[in-house]
Amino acid sequence: MKAGTDVAASLSSEIHDVLLKTQDTYYKLILAVGPARTGKTAALTELAAKHKWPRINVNLCLSEKLLELTHRQRAVRVAGILNDTVRDETSNVVLLDNIELLFAPELAQDPLKLLQSLSRNRTIVAAWPGNFDGSSLTYSEPGHPEARRYLTPQAVIVKASETNLPDIESSGKVTK
């Protein structure tokens, strides 16, 4: 098995293991947190295949439905569209991947609050492209228009590990 596959399997196991922790919490939200290429999508894909849980590509879903709306309508309707999409799924667990569009300044959303609201009646597992340092959850670098920082977020956090992933040198060669 490749290192990337091992990392995805490990992350999907960690996510599955913490599912029970969300059952008695106000928000049934699990965030798989890590920068790009840390196995979040692979882990969600594995969980979807193994447990038959729906995996929603949020960027694709929202962009298709927001395209026909005016700029002003997009900000007003984005939460409702995502809520309807999740509500249409019959599973008790829904996996959300590629959530970067939720951070777009023109949509004027609070991505964490939006994910929390979706997780009131079912477990939501979302791939969060950012970092968690043990107390604060971040997205993007400070000063960037999409940057977000949440102190002690109300969610179960599973950190995607950067260890065991191949490094790509500037020459393009893959090294360990």
N, C-alpha and C. Protein backbone atom coordinates (compact mmCIF):
# COMPACT_ATOMS: atom_id res chain seq x y z
N MET A 1 0.83 -1.18 0.00
CA MET A 1 0.00 0.00 0.00
C MET A 1 0.88 1.24 0.00
N LYS A 2 0.46 2.28 -0.66
CA LYS A 2 1.20 3.53 -0.72
C LYS A 2 1.03 4.31 0.58
N ALA A 3 2.00 5.21 0.86
CA ALA A 3 1.95 6.02 2.08
C ALA A 3 0.68 6.85 2.14
N GLY A 4 0.28 7.46 1.03
CA GLY A 4 -0.93 8.28 0.99
C GLY A 4 -2.18 7.47 1.33
N THR A 5 -2.22 6.22 0.87
CA THR A 5 -3.35 5.35 1.15
C THR A 5 -3.38 5.00 2.64
N ASP A 6 -2.19 4.75 3.23
CA ASP A 6 -2.11 4.45 4.65
C ASP A 6 -2.62 5.62 5.48
N VAL A 7 -2.23 6.84 5.10
CA VAL A 7 -2.65 8.04 5.83
C VAL A 7 -4.16 8.20 5.74
N ALA A 8 -4.74 8.00 4.55
CA ALA A 8 -6.18 8.12 4.37
C ALA A 8 -6.92 7.08 5.21
N ALA A 9 -6.41 5.85 5.23
CA ALA A 9 -7.04 4.79 6.02
C ALA A 9 -6.96 5.13 7.51
N SER A 10 -5.82 5.64 7.94
CA SER A 10 -5.65 6.02 9.34
C SER A 10 -6.61 7.16 9.72
N LEU A 11 -6.71 8.16 8.86
CA LEU A 11 -7.61 9.28 9.12
C LEU A 11 -9.06 8.83 9.12
N SER A 12 -9.44 7.98 8.17
CA SER A 12 -10.83 7.51 8.15
C SER A 12 -11.14 6.68 9.39
N SER A 13 -10.17 5.91 9.88
CA SER A 13 -10.36 5.15 11.13
C SER A 13 -10.54 6.08 12.31
N GLU A 14 -9.72 7.13 12.38
CA GLU A 14 -9.84 8.10 13.47
C GLU A 14 -11.21 8.78 13.45
N ILE A 15 -11.67 9.16 12.26
CA ILE A 15 -12.98 9.80 12.13
C ILE A 15 -14.07 8.84 12.61
N HIS A 16 -14.00 7.61 12.14
CA HIS A 16 -15.01 6.62 12.54
C HIS A 16 -14.99 6.40 14.05
N ASP A 17 -13.79 6.38 14.64
CA ASP A 17 -13.66 6.15 16.08
C ASP A 17 -14.27 7.27 16.92
N VAL A 18 -14.26 8.50 16.43
CA VAL A 18 -14.81 9.61 17.22
C VAL A 18 -16.30 9.85 16.97
N LEU A 19 -16.91 9.10 16.08
CA LEU A 19 -18.33 9.29 15.79
C LEU A 19 -19.18 9.21 17.06
N LEU A 20 -18.89 8.28 17.92
CA LEU A 20 -19.68 8.12 19.15
C LEU A 20 -19.58 9.35 20.05
N LYS A 21 -18.46 10.07 19.99
CA LYS A 21 -18.30 11.26 20.82
C LYS A 21 -19.29 12.36 20.45
N THR A 22 -19.81 12.32 19.25
CA THR A 22 -20.72 13.38 18.82
C THR A 22 -22.17 13.10 19.18
N GLN A 23 -22.50 11.90 19.57
CA GLN A 23 -23.89 11.53 19.77
C GLN A 23 -24.58 12.30 20.88
N ASP A 24 -23.83 12.69 21.91
CA ASP A 24 -24.43 13.42 23.02
C ASP A 24 -24.04 14.89 23.05
N THR A 25 -23.51 15.39 21.96
CA THR A 25 -23.11 16.80 21.90
C THR A 25 -24.19 17.63 21.19
N TYR A 26 -24.19 18.90 21.50
CA TYR A 26 -25.17 19.80 20.88
C TYR A 26 -24.99 19.81 19.36
N TYR A 27 -23.74 19.94 18.93
CA TYR A 27 -23.44 19.86 17.50
C TYR A 27 -22.79 18.52 17.22
N LYS A 28 -23.33 17.79 16.28
CA LYS A 28 -22.77 16.51 15.88
C LYS A 28 -21.85 16.76 14.68
N LEU A 29 -20.77 17.49 14.96
CA LEU A 29 -19.87 17.95 13.91
C LEU A 29 -18.46 17.44 14.15
N ILE A 30 -17.93 16.78 13.13
CA ILE A 30 -16.55 16.32 13.14
C ILE A 30 -15.84 17.04 12.00
N LEU A 31 -14.71 17.67 12.33
CA LEU A 31 -13.91 18.35 11.32
C LEU A 31 -12.60 17.60 11.14
N ALA A 32 -12.35 17.16 9.92
CA ALA A 32 -11.05 16.58 9.57
C ALA A 32 -10.21 17.75 9.09
N VAL A 33 -9.26 18.17 9.91
CA VAL A 33 -8.54 19.42 9.69
C VAL A 33 -7.12 19.16 9.23
N GLY A 34 -6.74 19.86 8.17
CA GLY A 34 -5.37 19.78 7.69
C GLY A 34 -5.21 20.55 6.41
N PRO A 35 -3.97 20.90 6.08
CA PRO A 35 -3.72 21.60 4.81
C PRO A 35 -3.97 20.67 3.62
N ALA A 36 -3.83 21.21 2.44
CA ALA A 36 -4.01 20.43 1.22
C ALA A 36 -3.07 19.22 1.21
N ARG A 37 -3.52 18.16 0.59
CA ARG A 37 -2.73 16.94 0.38
C ARG A 37 -2.38 16.20 1.67
N THR A 38 -3.30 16.22 2.63
CA THR A 38 -3.07 15.47 3.87
C THR A 38 -4.04 14.30 4.01
N GLY A 39 -4.76 13.96 2.94
CA GLY A 39 -5.59 12.77 2.94
C GLY A 39 -7.03 12.95 3.35
N LYS A 40 -7.49 14.20 3.48
CA LYS A 40 -8.88 14.43 3.92
C LYS A 40 -9.88 13.87 2.91
N THR A 41 -9.73 14.21 1.65
CA THR A 41 -10.67 13.74 0.62
C THR A 41 -10.61 12.22 0.49
N ALA A 42 -9.41 11.67 0.51
CA ALA A 42 -9.28 10.21 0.42
C ALA A 42 -9.96 9.52 1.60
N ALA A 43 -9.83 10.10 2.79
CA ALA A 43 -10.46 9.51 3.98
C ALA A 43 -11.99 9.57 3.86
N LEU A 44 -12.52 10.71 3.41
CA LEU A 44 -13.98 10.83 3.25
C LEU A 44 -14.47 9.87 2.16
N THR A 45 -13.71 9.74 1.09
CA THR A 45 -14.08 8.81 0.01
C THR A 45 -14.12 7.38 0.53
N GLU A 46 -13.14 7.03 1.35
CA GLU A 46 -13.10 5.68 1.93
C GLU A 46 -14.29 5.45 2.85
N LEU A 47 -14.61 6.44 3.71
CA LEU A 47 -15.76 6.31 4.61
C LEU A 47 -17.07 6.19 3.82
N ALA A 48 -17.18 6.95 2.75
CA ALA A 48 -18.40 6.89 1.93
C ALA A 48 -18.57 5.51 1.31
N ALA A 49 -17.49 4.96 0.81
CA ALA A 49 -17.55 3.64 0.18
C ALA A 49 -17.83 2.54 1.21
N LYS A 50 -17.17 2.63 2.35
CA LYS A 50 -17.27 1.58 3.36
C LYS A 50 -18.62 1.56 4.07
N HIS A 51 -19.17 2.75 4.35
CA HIS A 51 -20.40 2.83 5.15
C HIS A 51 -21.64 3.28 4.36
N LYS A 52 -21.44 3.54 3.08
CA LYS A 52 -22.55 4.01 2.21
C LYS A 52 -23.09 5.36 2.67
N TRP A 53 -22.21 6.19 3.23
CA TRP A 53 -22.58 7.55 3.63
C TRP A 53 -22.42 8.47 2.44
N PRO A 54 -23.34 9.40 2.24
CA PRO A 54 -23.21 10.33 1.11
C PRO A 54 -22.04 11.29 1.32
N ARG A 55 -21.29 11.51 0.25
CA ARG A 55 -20.18 12.47 0.26
C ARG A 55 -20.55 13.58 -0.72
N ILE A 56 -20.68 14.79 -0.20
CA ILE A 56 -21.10 15.93 -1.02
C ILE A 56 -19.91 16.84 -1.29
N ASN A 57 -19.68 17.11 -2.56
CA ASN A 57 -18.67 18.08 -2.96
C ASN A 57 -19.36 19.44 -2.88
N VAL A 58 -19.11 20.16 -1.78
CA VAL A 58 -19.83 21.41 -1.50
C VAL A 58 -19.55 22.46 -2.58
N ASN A 59 -18.29 22.60 -3.00
CA ASN A 59 -17.98 23.59 -4.03
C ASN A 59 -18.78 23.35 -5.30
N LEU A 60 -18.83 22.10 -5.74
CA LEU A 60 -19.54 21.76 -6.98
C LEU A 60 -21.05 21.96 -6.82
N CYS A 61 -21.58 21.46 -5.73
CA CYS A 61 -23.02 21.58 -5.46
C CYS A 61 -23.47 23.04 -5.42
N LEU A 62 -22.76 23.84 -4.62
CA LEU A 62 -23.16 25.25 -4.48
C LEU A 62 -22.93 26.04 -5.76
N SER A 63 -21.81 25.82 -6.42
CA SER A 63 -21.52 26.62 -7.61
C SER A 63 -22.57 26.37 -8.70
N GLU A 64 -23.03 25.14 -8.83
CA GLU A 64 -24.08 24.84 -9.82
C GLU A 64 -25.38 25.57 -9.48
N LYS A 65 -25.74 25.60 -8.21
CA LYS A 65 -27.01 26.20 -7.81
C LYS A 65 -26.95 27.71 -7.65
N LEU A 66 -25.78 28.25 -7.35
CA LEU A 66 -25.64 29.70 -7.18
C LEU A 66 -25.45 30.41 -8.51
N LEU A 67 -25.05 29.68 -9.52
CA LEU A 67 -24.74 30.27 -10.82
C LEU A 67 -25.91 31.07 -11.39
N GLU A 68 -27.12 30.59 -11.21
CA GLU A 68 -28.29 31.25 -11.78
C GLU A 68 -28.82 32.42 -10.94
N LEU A 69 -28.20 32.64 -9.76
CA LEU A 69 -28.67 33.70 -8.87
C LEU A 69 -27.86 34.97 -9.03
N THR A 70 -28.45 36.09 -8.65
CA THR A 70 -27.72 37.36 -8.67
C THR A 70 -26.72 37.36 -7.51
N HIS A 71 -25.80 38.27 -7.53
CA HIS A 71 -24.78 38.39 -6.49
C HIS A 71 -25.43 38.52 -5.11
N ARG A 72 -26.42 39.35 -5.01
CA ARG A 72 -27.11 39.57 -3.73
C ARG A 72 -27.86 38.31 -3.28
N GLN A 73 -28.52 37.63 -4.21
CA GLN A 73 -29.27 36.42 -3.87
C GLN A 73 -28.36 35.30 -3.37
N ARG A 74 -27.13 35.24 -3.90
CA ARG A 74 -26.21 34.17 -3.52
C ARG A 74 -25.93 34.19 -2.02
N ALA A 75 -25.62 35.35 -1.47
CA ALA A 75 -25.30 35.45 -0.05
C ALA A 75 -26.51 35.07 0.82
N VAL A 76 -27.69 35.42 0.35
CA VAL A 76 -28.92 35.15 1.11
C VAL A 76 -29.30 33.67 1.04
N ARG A 77 -29.05 33.03 -0.09
CA ARG A 77 -29.55 31.68 -0.33
C ARG A 77 -28.57 30.55 -0.05
N VAL A 78 -27.28 30.85 0.09
CA VAL A 78 -26.28 29.78 0.19
C VAL A 78 -26.56 28.83 1.36
N ALA A 79 -26.88 29.34 2.52
CA ALA A 79 -27.14 28.47 3.68
C ALA A 79 -28.35 27.58 3.44
N GLY A 80 -29.40 28.12 2.86
CA GLY A 80 -30.60 27.34 2.57
C GLY A 80 -30.35 26.25 1.54
N ILE A 81 -29.57 26.57 0.54
CA ILE A 81 -29.24 25.57 -0.50
C ILE A 81 -28.46 24.42 0.12
N LEU A 82 -27.46 24.74 0.93
CA LEU A 82 -26.68 23.68 1.55
C LEU A 82 -27.52 22.88 2.53
N ASN A 83 -28.37 23.55 3.29
CA ASN A 83 -29.27 22.86 4.22
C ASN A 83 -30.20 21.91 3.47
N ASP A 84 -30.79 22.37 2.36
CA ASP A 84 -31.67 21.51 1.56
C ASP A 84 -30.92 20.30 1.01
N THR A 85 -29.69 20.51 0.57
CA THR A 85 -28.89 19.43 0.01
C THR A 85 -28.62 18.36 1.06
N VAL A 86 -28.24 18.78 2.26
CA VAL A 86 -27.97 17.83 3.34
C VAL A 86 -29.27 17.16 3.80
N ARG A 87 -30.33 17.93 3.91
CA ARG A 87 -31.62 17.39 4.37
C ARG A 87 -32.16 16.33 3.41
N ASP A 88 -31.85 16.45 2.12
CA ASP A 88 -32.31 15.47 1.13
C ASP A 88 -31.64 14.10 1.29
N GLU A 89 -30.54 14.05 2.02
CA GLU A 89 -29.86 12.77 2.25
C GLU A 89 -30.55 12.03 3.40
N THR A 90 -30.70 10.73 3.24
CA THR A 90 -31.40 9.95 4.26
C THR A 90 -30.47 9.40 5.34
N SER A 91 -29.19 9.46 5.12
CA SER A 91 -28.22 8.91 6.05
C SER A 91 -28.11 9.76 7.33
N ASN A 92 -27.76 9.12 8.44
CA ASN A 92 -27.54 9.83 9.70
C ASN A 92 -26.18 10.51 9.73
N VAL A 93 -25.30 10.14 8.79
CA VAL A 93 -23.97 10.73 8.66
C VAL A 93 -23.83 11.25 7.24
N VAL A 94 -23.43 12.51 7.12
CA VAL A 94 -23.19 13.11 5.81
C VAL A 94 -21.78 13.68 5.79
N LEU A 95 -21.05 13.37 4.72
CA LEU A 95 -19.67 13.81 4.56
C LEU A 95 -19.62 15.01 3.63
N LEU A 96 -18.98 16.09 4.06
CA LEU A 96 -18.87 17.30 3.24
C LEU A 96 -17.41 17.54 2.88
N ASP A 97 -17.15 17.61 1.59
CA ASP A 97 -15.79 17.80 1.10
C ASP A 97 -15.74 19.06 0.24
N ASN A 98 -14.54 19.59 0.07
CA ASN A 98 -14.34 20.78 -0.76
C ASN A 98 -15.26 21.92 -0.33
N ILE A 99 -15.04 22.41 0.87
CA ILE A 99 -15.92 23.45 1.43
C ILE A 99 -15.37 24.86 1.24
N GLU A 100 -14.32 25.03 0.46
CA GLU A 100 -13.65 26.33 0.33
C GLU A 100 -14.59 27.46 -0.11
N LEU A 101 -15.58 27.17 -0.90
CA LEU A 101 -16.51 28.21 -1.37
C LEU A 101 -17.24 28.89 -0.20
N LEU A 102 -17.42 28.17 0.89
CA LEU A 102 -18.10 28.76 2.05
C LEU A 102 -17.33 29.93 2.65
N PHE A 103 -16.04 30.02 2.36
CA PHE A 103 -15.19 31.09 2.89
C PHE A 103 -15.14 32.32 1.99
N ALA A 104 -15.75 32.25 0.82
CA ALA A 104 -15.71 33.37 -0.13
C ALA A 104 -16.34 34.61 0.50
N PRO A 105 -15.59 35.72 0.54
CA PRO A 105 -16.11 36.94 1.18
C PRO A 105 -17.44 37.41 0.59
N GLU A 106 -17.65 37.23 -0.71
CA GLU A 106 -18.88 37.71 -1.35
C GLU A 106 -20.12 36.93 -0.90
N LEU A 107 -19.93 35.74 -0.31
CA LEU A 107 -21.07 34.98 0.19
C LEU A 107 -21.42 35.35 1.63
N ALA A 108 -20.54 36.06 2.30
CA ALA A 108 -20.79 36.60 3.65
C ALA A 108 -21.31 35.54 4.62
N GLN A 109 -20.63 34.38 4.66
CA GLN A 109 -21.04 33.29 5.54
C GLN A 109 -20.03 33.12 6.67
N ASP A 110 -20.48 32.54 7.76
CA ASP A 110 -19.60 32.08 8.81
C ASP A 110 -19.56 30.55 8.64
N PRO A 111 -18.51 30.04 8.00
CA PRO A 111 -18.49 28.60 7.66
C PRO A 111 -18.68 27.67 8.86
N LEU A 112 -18.05 27.97 9.99
CA LEU A 112 -18.20 27.08 11.15
C LEU A 112 -19.64 27.09 11.65
N LYS A 113 -20.26 28.26 11.77
CA LYS A 113 -21.66 28.33 12.22
C LYS A 113 -22.58 27.59 11.25
N LEU A 114 -22.31 27.71 9.96
CA LEU A 114 -23.12 27.03 8.96
C LEU A 114 -23.01 25.51 9.13
N LEU A 115 -21.79 25.01 9.30
CA LEU A 115 -21.60 23.57 9.50
C LEU A 115 -22.23 23.12 10.82
N GLN A 116 -22.13 23.94 11.84
CA GLN A 116 -22.75 23.59 13.13
C GLN A 116 -24.27 23.50 12.98
N SER A 117 -24.86 24.43 12.26
CA SER A 117 -26.33 24.39 12.11
C SER A 117 -26.76 23.14 11.34
N LEU A 118 -25.94 22.69 10.40
CA LEU A 118 -26.26 21.47 9.65
C LEU A 118 -26.16 20.23 10.54
N SER A 119 -25.37 20.33 11.62
CA SER A 119 -25.08 19.16 12.45
C SER A 119 -25.98 19.04 13.68
N ARG A 120 -27.07 19.74 13.70
CA ARG A 120 -27.99 19.64 14.84
C ARG A 120 -28.79 18.33 14.81
N ASN A 121 -29.14 17.86 13.64
CA ASN A 121 -30.02 16.69 13.55
C ASN A 121 -29.36 15.45 12.97
N ARG A 122 -28.12 15.57 12.54
CA ARG A 122 -27.38 14.42 12.02
C ARG A 122 -25.90 14.72 12.13
N THR A 123 -25.10 13.68 12.06
CA THR A 123 -23.66 13.88 12.15
C THR A 123 -23.12 14.38 10.81
N ILE A 124 -22.36 15.47 10.88
CA ILE A 124 -21.69 16.03 9.71
C ILE A 124 -20.20 15.85 9.90
N VAL A 125 -19.55 15.28 8.90
CA VAL A 125 -18.10 15.16 8.88
C VAL A 125 -17.64 16.03 7.72
N ALA A 126 -16.85 17.05 8.02
CA ALA A 126 -16.40 17.98 6.98
C ALA A 126 -14.88 18.03 6.93
N ALA A 127 -14.36 18.08 5.71
CA ALA A 127 -12.92 18.26 5.50
C ALA A 127 -12.64 19.76 5.58
N TRP A 128 -11.93 20.17 6.63
CA TRP A 128 -11.64 21.59 6.87
C TRP A 128 -10.22 21.87 6.39
N PRO A 129 -10.08 22.67 5.34
CA PRO A 129 -8.74 22.97 4.81
C PRO A 129 -8.06 24.07 5.62
N GLY A 130 -7.38 23.69 6.66
CA GLY A 130 -6.74 24.68 7.52
C GLY A 130 -5.94 23.99 8.59
N ASN A 131 -5.89 24.59 9.76
CA ASN A 131 -5.08 24.05 10.85
C ASN A 131 -5.83 24.14 12.17
N PHE A 132 -5.43 23.28 13.09
CA PHE A 132 -5.93 23.32 14.46
C PHE A 132 -4.71 23.12 15.36
N ASP A 133 -4.47 24.08 16.25
CA ASP A 133 -3.28 24.03 17.11
C ASP A 133 -3.58 23.53 18.51
N GLY A 134 -4.74 22.95 18.70
CA GLY A 134 -5.13 22.47 20.03
C GLY A 134 -6.16 23.36 20.70
N SER A 135 -6.19 24.63 20.29
CA SER A 135 -7.21 25.52 20.86
C SER A 135 -7.87 26.40 19.80
N SER A 136 -7.18 26.71 18.72
CA SER A 136 -7.83 27.54 17.70
C SER A 136 -7.80 26.88 16.33
N LEU A 137 -8.92 27.02 15.66
CA LEU A 137 -9.12 26.48 14.32
C LEU A 137 -8.96 27.63 13.34
N THR A 138 -8.15 27.43 12.30
CA THR A 138 -7.93 28.50 11.34
C THR A 138 -8.16 28.05 9.91
N TYR A 139 -8.43 29.04 9.09
CA TYR A 139 -8.51 28.85 7.65
C TYR A 139 -7.77 30.02 7.02
N SER A 140 -6.81 29.76 6.19
CA SER A 140 -6.03 30.76 5.47
C SER A 140 -5.11 31.53 6.41
N GLU A 141 -4.28 32.35 5.83
CA GLU A 141 -3.30 33.14 6.59
C GLU A 141 -3.93 34.44 7.08
N PRO A 142 -3.52 34.91 8.26
CA PRO A 142 -4.04 36.21 8.76
C PRO A 142 -3.80 37.30 7.71
N GLY A 143 -4.78 38.16 7.54
CA GLY A 143 -4.70 39.23 6.57
C GLY A 143 -5.30 38.88 5.22
N HIS A 144 -5.46 37.60 4.93
CA HIS A 144 -6.10 37.17 3.69
C HIS A 144 -7.59 37.43 3.81
N PRO A 145 -8.26 37.86 2.72
CA PRO A 145 -9.69 38.19 2.83
C PRO A 145 -10.58 37.03 3.28
N GLU A 146 -10.13 35.79 3.08
CA GLU A 146 -10.93 34.64 3.48
C GLU A 146 -10.52 34.07 4.84
N ALA A 147 -9.53 34.66 5.48
CA ALA A 147 -8.99 34.13 6.74
C ALA A 147 -10.06 34.07 7.83
N ARG A 148 -10.03 32.98 8.57
CA ARG A 148 -10.94 32.78 9.71
C ARG A 148 -10.14 32.19 10.85
N ARG A 149 -10.53 32.54 12.06
CA ARG A 149 -9.93 31.97 13.25
C ARG A 149 -11.02 31.80 14.29
N TYR A 150 -11.12 30.60 14.81
CA TYR A 150 -12.12 30.28 15.82
C TYR A 150 -11.41 29.73 17.06
N LEU A 151 -11.62 30.37 18.19
CA LEU A 151 -11.07 29.87 19.44
C LEU A 151 -12.01 28.82 20.01
N THR A 152 -11.47 27.72 20.47
CA THR A 152 -12.22 26.59 21.03
C THR A 152 -13.52 26.31 20.25
N PRO A 153 -13.39 25.86 19.01
CA PRO A 153 -14.59 25.58 18.20
C PRO A 153 -15.40 24.43 18.79
N GLN A 154 -16.71 24.55 18.69
CA GLN A 154 -17.59 23.48 19.18
C GLN A 154 -17.74 22.43 18.08
N ALA A 155 -16.75 21.56 18.04
CA ALA A 155 -16.72 20.46 17.07
C ALA A 155 -15.68 19.46 17.55
N VAL A 156 -15.82 18.23 17.11
CA VAL A 156 -14.80 17.23 17.37
C VAL A 156 -13.77 17.38 16.25
N ILE A 157 -12.52 17.59 16.62
CA ILE A 157 -11.47 17.83 15.64
C ILE A 157 -10.61 16.58 15.48
N VAL A 158 -10.41 16.17 14.24
CA VAL A 158 -9.49 15.10 13.91
C VAL A 158 -8.46 15.71 12.97
N LYS A 159 -7.21 15.73 13.42
CA LYS A 159 -6.17 16.36 12.62
C LYS A 159 -5.65 15.38 11.56
N ALA A 160 -5.62 15.86 10.33
CA ALA A 160 -5.01 15.09 9.24
C ALA A 160 -3.51 15.26 9.37
N SER A 161 -2.81 14.16 9.35
CA SER A 161 -1.37 14.18 9.58
C SER A 161 -0.60 14.41 8.29
N GLU A 162 0.44 15.22 8.39
CA GLU A 162 1.31 15.44 7.24
C GLU A 162 2.44 14.43 7.22
N THR A 163 2.57 13.64 8.28
CA THR A 163 3.63 12.65 8.31
C THR A 163 3.30 11.50 7.38
N ASN A 164 4.31 10.86 6.88
CA ASN A 164 4.20 9.72 5.97
C ASN A 164 3.73 10.08 4.57
N LEU A 165 3.47 11.36 4.32
CA LEU A 165 3.13 11.74 2.96
C LEU A 165 4.41 12.06 2.21
N PRO A 166 4.49 11.73 0.93
CA PRO A 166 5.71 12.05 0.19
C PRO A 166 5.87 13.55 0.02
N ASP A 167 7.10 14.01 0.08
CA ASP A 167 7.40 15.42 -0.18
C ASP A 167 7.75 15.56 -1.65
N ILE A 168 7.34 16.67 -2.23
CA ILE A 168 7.66 16.92 -3.62
C ILE A 168 8.71 18.02 -3.66
N GLU A 169 9.89 17.65 -4.15
CA GLU A 169 10.97 18.61 -4.26
C GLU A 169 10.68 19.55 -5.42
N SER A 170 11.42 20.64 -5.50
CA SER A 170 11.20 21.60 -6.57
C SER A 170 11.45 21.00 -7.94
N SER A 171 12.23 19.92 -8.02
CA SER A 171 12.46 19.27 -9.30
C SER A 171 11.25 18.48 -9.76
N GLY A 172 10.30 18.26 -8.84
CA GLY A 172 9.11 17.50 -9.19
C GLY A 172 9.22 16.05 -8.80
N LYS A 173 10.41 15.62 -8.31
CA LYS A 173 10.59 14.24 -7.89
C LYS A 173 9.93 14.02 -6.53
N VAL A 174 9.41 12.84 -6.33
CA VAL A 174 8.79 12.50 -5.06
C VAL A 174 9.85 11.87 -4.17
N THR A 175 9.97 12.37 -2.95
CA THR A 175 10.93 11.81 -1.99
C THR A 175 10.23 11.49 -0.70
N LYS A 176 10.88 10.71 0.14
CA LYS A 176 10.31 10.38 1.45
C LYS A 176 10.90 11.23 2.51
